[in-house]
Amino acid sequence: MHVEPRHALKESPLEPDGERDADVDDEAGDRGEEPRIRCPRCRWVPRRGDAWMCYCGCEFHTFETAGRCPDCGFQYRETMCLACERWSPHLAWYTDPPR
């Protein structure tokens, strides 16, 4: 599923509601492996071609930069899932925290 980039990063933290959507497929799980990065709410796994947009206008893959905009350098603490459109702390997406 390719989703057009949009303002999908947030500066201020939000409280997660802890809900998960049971009907969202976990594609990596279907292949018998645990995804390293997935939405903590719906378990959607981003692909290389997915893109998020910073408020400065830069489009980038937030998980290739650990949530830092490559143009303006802003470090985002929250990321919106492109599938369920809910916000979560950026670090909560990593099953193994980034180094």
PDB file of N, CA and C in Angstrom:
ATOM      1  N   MET A   1       0.846  -1.172   0.000  1.00  0.00           N
ATOM      2  CA  MET A   1       0.000   0.000   0.000  1.00  0.00           C
ATOM      3  C   MET A   1       0.891   1.235   0.000  1.00  0.00           C
ATOM      4  N   HIS A   2       0.871   2.008  -1.054  1.00  0.00           N
ATOM      5  CA  HIS A   2       1.640   3.248  -1.113  1.00  0.00           C
ATOM      6  C   HIS A   2       0.727   4.390  -0.706  1.00  0.00           C
ATOM      7  N   VAL A   3       1.205   5.234   0.183  1.00  0.00           N
ATOM      8  CA  VAL A   3       0.424   6.354   0.670  1.00  0.00           C
ATOM      9  C   VAL A   3       1.169   7.628   0.316  1.00  0.00           C
ATOM     10  N   GLU A   4       0.453   8.628  -0.176  1.00  0.00           N
ATOM     11  CA  GLU A   4       1.080   9.900  -0.517  1.00  0.00           C
ATOM     12  C   GLU A   4       1.636  10.560   0.743  1.00  0.00           C
ATOM     13  N   PRO A   5       2.780  11.241   0.650  1.00  0.00           N
ATOM     14  CA  PRO A   5       3.349  11.892   1.820  1.00  0.00           C
ATOM     15  C   PRO A   5       2.436  13.001   2.315  1.00  0.00           C
ATOM     16  N   ARG A   6       2.499  13.257   3.590  1.00  0.00           N
ATOM     17  CA  ARG A   6       1.719  14.330   4.190  1.00  0.00           C
ATOM     18  C   ARG A   6       2.400  14.738   5.486  1.00  0.00           C
ATOM     19  N   HIS A   7       1.883  15.774   6.109  1.00  0.00           N
ATOM     20  CA  HIS A   7       2.446  16.193   7.388  1.00  0.00           C
ATOM     21  C   HIS A   7       2.127  15.112   8.401  1.00  0.00           C
ATOM     22  N   ALA A   8       3.041  14.186   8.582  1.00  0.00           N
ATOM     23  CA  ALA A   8       2.784  13.025   9.420  1.00  0.00           C
ATOM     24  C   ALA A   8       3.801  12.905  10.548  1.00  0.00           C
ATOM     25  N   LEU A   9       4.326  14.027  10.962  1.00  0.00           N
ATOM     26  CA  LEU A   9       5.240  14.060  12.091  1.00  0.00           C
ATOM     27  C   LEU A   9       4.742  15.166  13.012  1.00  0.00           C
ATOM     28  N   LYS A  10       4.987  15.049  14.268  1.00  0.00           N
ATOM     29  CA  LYS A  10       4.455  16.016  15.218  1.00  0.00           C
ATOM     30  C   LYS A  10       5.519  16.391  16.234  1.00  0.00           C
ATOM     31  N   GLU A  11       5.538  17.670  16.605  1.00  0.00           N
ATOM     32  CA  GLU A  11       6.503  18.153  17.581  1.00  0.00           C
ATOM     33  C   GLU A  11       6.140  17.743  18.997  1.00  0.00           C
ATOM     34  N   SER A  12       4.889  17.933  19.388  1.00  0.00           N
ATOM     35  CA  SER A  12       4.506  17.720  20.778  1.00  0.00           C
ATOM     36  C   SER A  12       3.976  16.316  21.001  1.00  0.00           C
ATOM     37  N   PRO A  13       4.281  15.732  22.157  1.00  0.00           N
ATOM     38  CA  PRO A  13       3.824  14.366  22.411  1.00  0.00           C
ATOM     39  C   PRO A  13       2.331  14.296  22.678  1.00  0.00           C
ATOM     40  N   LEU A  14       1.736  13.190  22.303  1.00  0.00           N
ATOM     41  CA  LEU A  14       0.341  12.896  22.612  1.00  0.00           C
ATOM     42  C   LEU A  14       0.307  11.635  23.449  1.00  0.00           C
ATOM     43  N   GLU A  15      -0.708  11.504  24.260  1.00  0.00           N
ATOM     44  CA  GLU A  15      -0.865  10.288  25.044  1.00  0.00           C
ATOM     45  C   GLU A  15      -1.441   9.202  24.151  1.00  0.00           C
ATOM     46  N   PRO A  16      -0.775   8.052  24.028  1.00  0.00           N
ATOM     47  CA  PRO A  16      -1.346   6.968  23.237  1.00  0.00           C
ATOM     48  C   PRO A  16      -2.564   6.390  23.938  1.00  0.00           C
ATOM     49  N   ASP A  17      -3.534   5.945  23.149  1.00  0.00           N
ATOM     50  CA  ASP A  17      -4.734   5.357  23.743  1.00  0.00           C
ATOM     51  C   ASP A  17      -4.597   3.858  23.924  1.00  0.00           C
ATOM     52  N   GLY A  18      -3.503   3.279  23.422  1.00  0.00           N
ATOM     53  CA  GLY A  18      -3.244   1.869  23.629  1.00  0.00           C
ATOM     54  C   GLY A  18      -4.054   0.933  22.754  1.00  0.00           C
ATOM     55  N   GLU A  19      -4.898   1.469  21.874  1.00  0.00           N
ATOM     56  CA  GLU A  19      -5.734   0.618  21.033  1.00  0.00           C
ATOM     57  C   GLU A  19      -4.938   0.040  19.872  1.00  0.00           C
ATOM     58  N   ARG A  20      -5.317  -1.161  19.455  1.00  0.00           N
ATOM     59  CA  ARG A  20      -4.753  -1.783  18.254  1.00  0.00           C
ATOM     60  C   ARG A  20      -5.905  -2.241  17.387  1.00  0.00           C
ATOM     61  N   ASP A  21      -5.732  -2.152  16.089  1.00  0.00           N
ATOM     62  CA  ASP A  21      -6.734  -2.655  15.165  1.00  0.00           C
ATOM     63  C   ASP A  21      -6.409  -4.103  14.850  1.00  0.00           C
ATOM     64  N   ALA A  22      -7.317  -4.995  15.186  1.00  0.00           N
ATOM     65  CA  ALA A  22      -7.073  -6.425  14.994  1.00  0.00           C
ATOM     66  C   ALA A  22      -7.067  -6.830  13.530  1.00  0.00           C
ATOM     67  N   ASP A  23      -7.710  -6.034  12.671  1.00  0.00           N
ATOM     68  CA  ASP A  23      -7.846  -6.449  11.276  1.00  0.00           C
ATOM     69  C   ASP A  23      -6.715  -5.964  10.379  1.00  0.00           C
ATOM     70  N   VAL A  24      -5.698  -5.306  10.910  1.00  0.00           N
ATOM     71  CA  VAL A  24      -4.578  -4.835  10.098  1.00  0.00           C
ATOM     72  C   VAL A  24      -3.573  -5.969   9.954  1.00  0.00           C
ATOM     73  N   ASP A  25      -3.188  -6.270   8.718  1.00  0.00           N
ATOM     74  CA  ASP A  25      -2.246  -7.359   8.460  1.00  0.00           C
ATOM     75  C   ASP A  25      -0.845  -6.982   8.897  1.00  0.00           C
ATOM     76  N   ASP A  26      -0.145  -7.912   9.476  1.00  0.00           N
ATOM     77  CA  ASP A  26       1.259  -7.761   9.814  1.00  0.00           C
ATOM     78  C   ASP A  26       2.036  -8.523   8.755  1.00  0.00           C
ATOM     79  N   GLU A  27       2.459  -7.822   7.696  1.00  0.00           N
ATOM     80  CA  GLU A  27       3.074  -8.484   6.546  1.00  0.00           C
ATOM     81  C   GLU A  27       4.352  -9.219   6.911  1.00  0.00           C
ATOM     82  N   ALA A  28       5.179  -8.644   7.762  1.00  0.00           N
ATOM     83  CA  ALA A  28       6.408  -9.336   8.147  1.00  0.00           C
ATOM     84  C   ALA A  28       6.064 -10.601   8.914  1.00  0.00           C
ATOM     85  N   GLY A  29       5.037 -10.530   9.754  1.00  0.00           N
ATOM     86  CA  GLY A  29       4.602 -11.715  10.478  1.00  0.00           C
ATOM     87  C   GLY A  29       4.105 -12.792   9.541  1.00  0.00           C
ATOM     88  N   ASP A  30       3.478 -12.395   8.432  1.00  0.00           N
ATOM     89  CA  ASP A  30       3.027 -13.362   7.437  1.00  0.00           C
ATOM     90  C   ASP A  30       4.209 -14.087   6.805  1.00  0.00           C
ATOM     91  N   ARG A  31       5.382 -13.448   6.778  1.00  0.00           N
ATOM     92  CA  ARG A  31       6.585 -14.068   6.217  1.00  0.00           C
ATOM     93  C   ARG A  31       7.346 -14.853   7.282  1.00  0.00           C
ATOM     94  N   GLY A  32       6.820 -14.882   8.510  1.00  0.00           N
ATOM     95  CA  GLY A  32       7.465 -15.635   9.573  1.00  0.00           C
ATOM     96  C   GLY A  32       8.597 -14.897  10.265  1.00  0.00           C
ATOM     97  N   GLU A  33       8.648 -13.578  10.134  1.00  0.00           N
ATOM     98  CA  GLU A  33       9.702 -12.811  10.793  1.00  0.00           C
ATOM     99  C   GLU A  33       9.087 -11.644  11.550  1.00  0.00           C
ATOM    100  N   GLU A  34       9.793 -11.157  12.524  1.00  0.00           N
ATOM    101  CA  GLU A  34       9.341 -10.018  13.319  1.00  0.00           C
ATOM    102  C   GLU A  34       9.819  -8.733  12.643  1.00  0.00           C
ATOM    103  N   PRO A  35       8.910  -7.781  12.368  1.00  0.00           N
ATOM    104  CA  PRO A  35       9.362  -6.522  11.772  1.00  0.00           C
ATOM    105  C   PRO A  35      10.179  -5.729  12.784  1.00  0.00           C
ATOM    106  N   ARG A  36      11.197  -5.042  12.306  1.00  0.00           N
ATOM    107  CA  ARG A  36      12.010  -4.204  13.181  1.00  0.00           C
ATOM    108  C   ARG A  36      11.307  -2.886  13.470  1.00  0.00           C
ATOM    109  N   ILE A  37      10.519  -2.401  12.510  1.00  0.00           N
ATOM    110  CA  ILE A  37       9.790  -1.148  12.656  1.00  0.00           C
ATOM    111  C   ILE A  37       8.334  -1.420  12.316  1.00  0.00           C
ATOM    112  N   ARG A  38       7.435  -1.006  13.208  1.00  0.00           N
ATOM    113  CA  ARG A  38       6.011  -1.183  12.959  1.00  0.00           C
ATOM    114  C   ARG A  38       5.233  -0.184  13.816  1.00  0.00           C
ATOM    115  N   CYS A  39       4.021   0.148  13.373  1.00  0.00           N
ATOM    116  CA  CYS A  39       3.164   1.048  14.141  1.00  0.00           C
ATOM    117  C   CYS A  39       2.808   0.364  15.460  1.00  0.00           C
ATOM    118  N   PRO A  40       3.030   1.029  16.582  1.00  0.00           N
ATOM    119  CA  PRO A  40       2.708   0.408  17.861  1.00  0.00           C
ATOM    120  C   PRO A  40       1.207   0.281  18.108  1.00  0.00           C
ATOM    121  N   ARG A  41       0.395   0.952  17.295  1.00  0.00           N
ATOM    122  CA  ARG A  41      -1.056   0.898  17.481  1.00  0.00           C
ATOM    123  C   ARG A  41      -1.725  -0.130  16.577  1.00  0.00           C
ATOM    124  N   CYS A  42      -1.363  -0.156  15.298  1.00  0.00           N
ATOM    125  CA  CYS A  42      -2.048  -1.066  14.359  1.00  0.00           C
ATOM    126  C   CYS A  42      -1.114  -2.118  13.765  1.00  0.00           C
ATOM    127  N   ARG A  43       0.189  -2.004  14.049  1.00  0.00           N
ATOM    128  CA  ARG A  43       1.216  -2.944  13.582  1.00  0.00           C
ATOM    129  C   ARG A  43       1.538  -2.833  12.093  1.00  0.00           C
ATOM    130  N   TRP A  44       1.108  -1.770  11.438  1.00  0.00           N
ATOM    131  CA  TRP A  44       1.452  -1.551  10.029  1.00  0.00           C
ATOM    132  C   TRP A  44       2.965  -1.399   9.913  1.00  0.00           C
ATOM    133  N   VAL A  45       3.536  -1.992   8.871  1.00  0.00           N
ATOM    134  CA  VAL A  45       4.984  -1.947   8.645  1.00  0.00           C
ATOM    135  C   VAL A  45       5.267  -1.038   7.452  1.00  0.00           C
ATOM    136  N   PRO A  46       5.984   0.083   7.661  1.00  0.00           N
ATOM    137  CA  PRO A  46       6.300   0.971   6.544  1.00  0.00           C
ATOM    138  C   PRO A  46       7.262   0.319   5.560  1.00  0.00           C
ATOM    139  N   ARG A  47       7.123   0.712   4.288  1.00  0.00           N
ATOM    140  CA  ARG A  47       8.011   0.216   3.229  1.00  0.00           C
ATOM    141  C   ARG A  47       8.997   1.313   2.844  1.00  0.00           C
ATOM    142  N   ARG A  48      10.009   0.936   2.104  1.00  0.00           N
ATOM    143  CA  ARG A  48      11.032   1.906   1.683  1.00  0.00           C
ATOM    144  C   ARG A  48      10.454   3.089   0.911  1.00  0.00           C
ATOM    145  N   GLY A  49       9.445   2.879   0.103  1.00  0.00           N
ATOM    146  CA  GLY A  49       8.891   3.947  -0.721  1.00  0.00           C
ATOM    147  C   GLY A  49       7.942   4.887  -0.005  1.00  0.00           C
ATOM    148  N   ASP A  50       7.580   4.593   1.243  1.00  0.00           N
ATOM    149  CA  ASP A  50       6.676   5.468   1.990  1.00  0.00           C
ATOM    150  C   ASP A  50       7.413   6.743   2.373  1.00  0.00           C
ATOM    151  N   ALA A  51       6.674   7.846   2.463  1.00  0.00           N
ATOM    152  CA  ALA A  51       7.307   9.125   2.780  1.00  0.00           C
ATOM    153  C   ALA A  51       6.440   9.932   3.733  1.00  0.00           C
ATOM    154  N   TRP A  52       7.105  10.658   4.610  1.00  0.00           N
ATOM    155  CA  TRP A  52       6.472  11.594   5.526  1.00  0.00           C
ATOM    156  C   TRP A  52       6.934  12.981   5.123  1.00  0.00           C
ATOM    157  N   MET A  53       6.223  14.012   5.551  1.00  0.00           N
ATOM    158  CA  MET A  53       6.594  15.374   5.183  1.00  0.00           C
ATOM    159  C   MET A  53       6.789  16.213   6.441  1.00  0.00           C
ATOM    160  N   CYS A  54       7.916  16.902   6.482  1.00  0.00           N
ATOM    161  CA  CYS A  54       8.223  17.822   7.568  1.00  0.00           C
ATOM    162  C   CYS A  54       7.453  19.120   7.339  1.00  0.00           C
ATOM    163  N   TYR A  55       7.288  19.899   8.395  1.00  0.00           N
ATOM    164  CA  TYR A  55       6.633  21.195   8.259  1.00  0.00           C
ATOM    165  C   TYR A  55       7.448  22.151   7.399  1.00  0.00           C
ATOM    166  N   CYS A  56       8.746  21.881   7.195  1.00  0.00           N
ATOM    167  CA  CYS A  56       9.568  22.725   6.323  1.00  0.00           C
ATOM    168  C   CYS A  56       9.343  22.391   4.849  1.00  0.00           C
ATOM    169  N   GLY A  57       8.588  21.299   4.574  1.00  0.00           N
ATOM    170  CA  GLY A  57       8.286  20.913   3.199  1.00  0.00           C
ATOM    171  C   GLY A  57       9.099  19.742   2.681  1.00  0.00           C
ATOM    172  N   CYS A  58      10.084  19.299   3.436  1.00  0.00           N
ATOM    173  CA  CYS A  58      10.928  18.178   3.016  1.00  0.00           C
ATOM    174  C   CYS A  58      10.158  16.863   3.128  1.00  0.00           C
ATOM    175  N   GLU A  59      10.222  16.046   2.069  1.00  0.00           N
ATOM    176  CA  GLU A  59       9.651  14.700   2.102  1.00  0.00           C
ATOM    177  C   GLU A  59      10.788  13.723   2.364  1.00  0.00           C
ATOM    178  N   PHE A  60      10.587  12.820   3.320  1.00  0.00           N
ATOM    179  CA  PHE A  60      11.638  11.856   3.659  1.00  0.00           C
ATOM    180  C   PHE A  60      11.027  10.647   4.348  1.00  0.00           C
ATOM    181  N   HIS A  61      11.817   9.579   4.434  1.00  0.00           N
ATOM    182  CA  HIS A  61      11.385   8.369   5.142  1.00  0.00           C
ATOM    183  C   HIS A  61      11.864   8.510   6.581  1.00  0.00           C
ATOM    184  N   THR A  62      10.936   8.755   7.472  1.00  0.00           N
ATOM    185  CA  THR A  62      11.277   9.086   8.856  1.00  0.00           C
ATOM    186  C   THR A  62      12.077   8.007   9.577  1.00  0.00           C
ATOM    187  N   PHE A  63      11.959   6.750   9.139  1.00  0.00           N
ATOM    188  CA  PHE A  63      12.684   5.684   9.826  1.00  0.00           C
ATOM    189  C   PHE A  63      14.086   5.478   9.263  1.00  0.00           C
ATOM    190  N   GLU A  64      14.415   6.138   8.164  1.00  0.00           N
ATOM    191  CA  GLU A  64      15.787   6.129   7.663  1.00  0.00           C
ATOM    192  C   GLU A  64      16.622   7.191   8.362  1.00  0.00           C
ATOM    193  N   THR A  65      15.954   8.140   9.039  1.00  0.00           N
ATOM    194  CA  THR A  65      16.653   9.236   9.709  1.00  0.00           C
ATOM    195  C   THR A  65      16.366   9.275  11.207  1.00  0.00           C
ATOM    196  N   ALA A  66      15.706   8.246  11.736  1.00  0.00           N
ATOM    197  CA  ALA A  66      15.327   8.179  13.158  1.00  0.00           C
ATOM    198  C   ALA A  66      14.498   9.393  13.572  1.00  0.00           C
ATOM    199  N   GLY A  67      13.645   9.872  12.659  1.00  0.00           N
ATOM    200  CA  GLY A  67      12.737  10.967  12.974  1.00  0.00           C
ATOM    201  C   GLY A  67      13.321  12.357  12.824  1.00  0.00           C
ATOM    202  N   ARG A  68      14.506  12.482  12.247  1.00  0.00           N
ATOM    203  CA  ARG A  68      15.130  13.799  12.057  1.00  0.00           C
ATOM    204  C   ARG A  68      14.986  14.225  10.600  1.00  0.00           C
ATOM    205  N   CYS A  69      14.467  15.450  10.394  1.00  0.00           N
ATOM    206  CA  CYS A  69      14.322  15.978   9.037  1.00  0.00           C
ATOM    207  C   CYS A  69      15.710  16.201   8.438  1.00  0.00           C
ATOM    208  N   PRO A  70      15.977  15.642   7.255  1.00  0.00           N
ATOM    209  CA  PRO A  70      17.304  15.816   6.652  1.00  0.00           C
ATOM    210  C   PRO A  70      17.556  17.233   6.131  1.00  0.00           C
ATOM    211  N   ASP A  71      16.496  18.034   5.937  1.00  0.00           N
ATOM    212  CA  ASP A  71      16.695  19.406   5.455  1.00  0.00           C
ATOM    213  C   ASP A  71      16.900  20.402   6.594  1.00  0.00           C
ATOM    214  N   CYS A  72      15.948  20.468   7.527  1.00  0.00           N
ATOM    215  CA  CYS A  72      16.034  21.481   8.585  1.00  0.00           C
ATOM    216  C   CYS A  72      16.632  20.944   9.881  1.00  0.00           C
ATOM    217  N   GLY A  73      16.739  19.612  10.004  1.00  0.00           N
ATOM    218  CA  GLY A  73      17.357  19.016  11.182  1.00  0.00           C
ATOM    219  C   GLY A  73      16.454  18.863  12.389  1.00  0.00           C
ATOM    220  N   PHE A  74      15.168  19.191  12.240  1.00  0.00           N
ATOM    221  CA  PHE A  74      14.269  19.070  13.387  1.00  0.00           C
ATOM    222  C   PHE A  74      14.101  17.608  13.782  1.00  0.00           C
ATOM    223  N   GLN A  75      14.176  17.322  15.077  1.00  0.00           N
ATOM    224  CA  GLN A  75      14.003  15.963  15.597  1.00  0.00           C
ATOM    225  C   GLN A  75      12.563  15.801  16.076  1.00  0.00           C
ATOM    226  N   TYR A  76      11.824  14.908  15.414  1.00  0.00           N
ATOM    227  CA  TYR A  76      10.438  14.660  15.787  1.00  0.00           C
ATOM    228  C   TYR A  76      10.348  13.598  16.862  1.00  0.00           C
ATOM    229  N   ARG A  77       9.459  13.824  17.825  1.00  0.00           N
ATOM    230  CA  ARG A  77       9.218  12.859  18.901  1.00  0.00           C
ATOM    231  C   ARG A  77       8.007  11.988  18.613  1.00  0.00           C
ATOM    232  N   GLU A  78       7.119  12.431  17.725  1.00  0.00           N
ATOM    233  CA  GLU A  78       5.890  11.707  17.399  1.00  0.00           C
ATOM    234  C   GLU A  78       5.829  11.472  15.894  1.00  0.00           C
ATOM    235  N   THR A  79       5.268  10.336  15.489  1.00  0.00           N
ATOM    236  CA  THR A  79       5.094  10.003  14.075  1.00  0.00           C
ATOM    237  C   THR A  79       3.675   9.503  13.874  1.00  0.00           C
ATOM    238  N   MET A  80       3.040   9.956  12.792  1.00  0.00           N
ATOM    239  CA  MET A  80       1.700   9.484  12.473  1.00  0.00           C
ATOM    240  C   MET A  80       1.797   8.278  11.555  1.00  0.00           C
ATOM    241  N   CYS A  81       1.027   7.255  11.858  1.00  0.00           N
ATOM    242  CA  CYS A  81       0.973   6.067  11.009  1.00  0.00           C
ATOM    243  C   CYS A  81       0.236   6.425   9.725  1.00  0.00           C
ATOM    244  N   LEU A  82       0.814   6.069   8.597  1.00  0.00           N
ATOM    245  CA  LEU A  82       0.176   6.354   7.316  1.00  0.00           C
ATOM    246  C   LEU A  82      -0.991   5.416   7.042  1.00  0.00           C
ATOM    247  N   ALA A  83      -1.124   4.343   7.806  1.00  0.00           N
ATOM    248  CA  ALA A  83      -2.235   3.404   7.621  1.00  0.00           C
ATOM    249  C   ALA A  83      -3.415   3.748   8.533  1.00  0.00           C
ATOM    250  N   CYS A  84      -3.185   3.820   9.843  1.00  0.00           N
ATOM    251  CA  CYS A  84      -4.294   4.071  10.782  1.00  0.00           C
ATOM    252  C   CYS A  84      -4.453   5.547  11.122  1.00  0.00           C
ATOM    253  N   GLU A  85      -3.492   6.386  10.724  1.00  0.00           N
ATOM    254  CA  GLU A  85      -3.510   7.832  10.924  1.00  0.00           C
ATOM    255  C   GLU A  85      -3.577   8.241  12.392  1.00  0.00           C
ATOM    256  N   ARG A  86      -2.988   7.427  13.261  1.00  0.00           N
ATOM    257  CA  ARG A  86      -2.907   7.776  14.678  1.00  0.00           C
ATOM    258  C   ARG A  86      -1.458   8.071  15.040  1.00  0.00           C
ATOM    259  N   TRP A  87      -1.269   8.925  16.048  1.00  0.00           N
ATOM    260  CA  TRP A  87       0.051   9.367  16.476  1.00  0.00           C
ATOM    261  C   TRP A  87       0.612   8.458  17.551  1.00  0.00           C
ATOM    262  N   SER A  88       1.914   8.233  17.493  1.00  0.00           N
ATOM    263  CA  SER A  88       2.630   7.458  18.509  1.00  0.00           C
ATOM    264  C   SER A  88       4.016   8.053  18.684  1.00  0.00           C
ATOM    265  N   PRO A  89       4.614   7.867  19.860  1.00  0.00           N
ATOM    266  CA  PRO A  89       6.005   8.296  20.021  1.00  0.00           C
ATOM    267  C   PRO A  89       6.877   7.607  18.967  1.00  0.00           C
ATOM    268  N   HIS A  90       7.761   8.368  18.352  1.00  0.00           N
ATOM    269  CA  HIS A  90       8.594   7.814  17.283  1.00  0.00           C
ATOM    270  C   HIS A  90       9.363   6.580  17.762  1.00  0.00           C
ATOM    271  N   LEU A  91       9.923   6.637  18.944  1.00  0.00           N
ATOM    272  CA  LEU A  91      10.724   5.513  19.441  1.00  0.00           C
ATOM    273  C   LEU A  91       9.894   4.260  19.696  1.00  0.00           C
ATOM    274  N   ALA A  92       8.585   4.400  19.890  1.00  0.00           N
ATOM    275  CA  ALA A  92       7.719   3.238  20.124  1.00  0.00           C
ATOM    276  C   ALA A  92       7.562   2.380  18.869  1.00  0.00           C
ATOM    277  N   TRP A  93       7.910   2.915  17.698  1.00  0.00           N
ATOM    278  CA  TRP A  93       7.815   2.167  16.442  1.00  0.00           C
ATOM    279  C   TRP A  93       8.899   1.099  16.317  1.00  0.00           C
ATOM    280  N   TYR A  94       9.995   1.235  17.034  1.00  0.00           N
ATOM    281  CA  TYR A  94      11.143   0.342  16.874  1.00  0.00           C
ATOM    282  C   TYR A  94      11.029  -0.855  17.811  1.00  0.00           C
ATOM    283  N   THR A  95      11.088  -2.070  17.260  1.00  0.00           N
ATOM    284  CA  THR A  95      11.120  -3.252  18.115  1.00  0.00           C
ATOM    285  C   THR A  95      12.514  -3.425  18.699  1.00  0.00           C
ATOM    286  N   ASP A  96      13.520  -2.954  17.990  1.00  0.00           N
ATOM    287  CA  ASP A  96      14.884  -2.840  18.493  1.00  0.00           C
ATOM    288  C   ASP A  96      15.225  -1.364  18.382  1.00  0.00           C
ATOM    289  N   PRO A  97      15.438  -0.652  19.502  1.00  0.00           N
ATOM    290  CA  PRO A  97      15.684   0.791  19.425  1.00  0.00           C
ATOM    291  C   PRO A  97      16.850   1.128  18.499  1.00  0.00           C
ATOM    292  N   PRO A  98      16.742   2.250  17.741  1.00  0.00           N
ATOM    293  CA  PRO A  98      17.828   2.653  16.836  1.00  0.00           C
ATOM    294  C   PRO A  98      19.082   3.001  17.624  1.00  0.00           C
ATOM    295  N   ARG A  99      20.215   2.748  16.999  1.00  0.00           N
ATOM    296  CA  ARG A  99      21.503   3.035  17.658  1.00  0.00           C
ATOM    297  C   ARG A  99      21.999   4.393  17.298  1.00  0.00           C
TER     298      ARG A  99
END
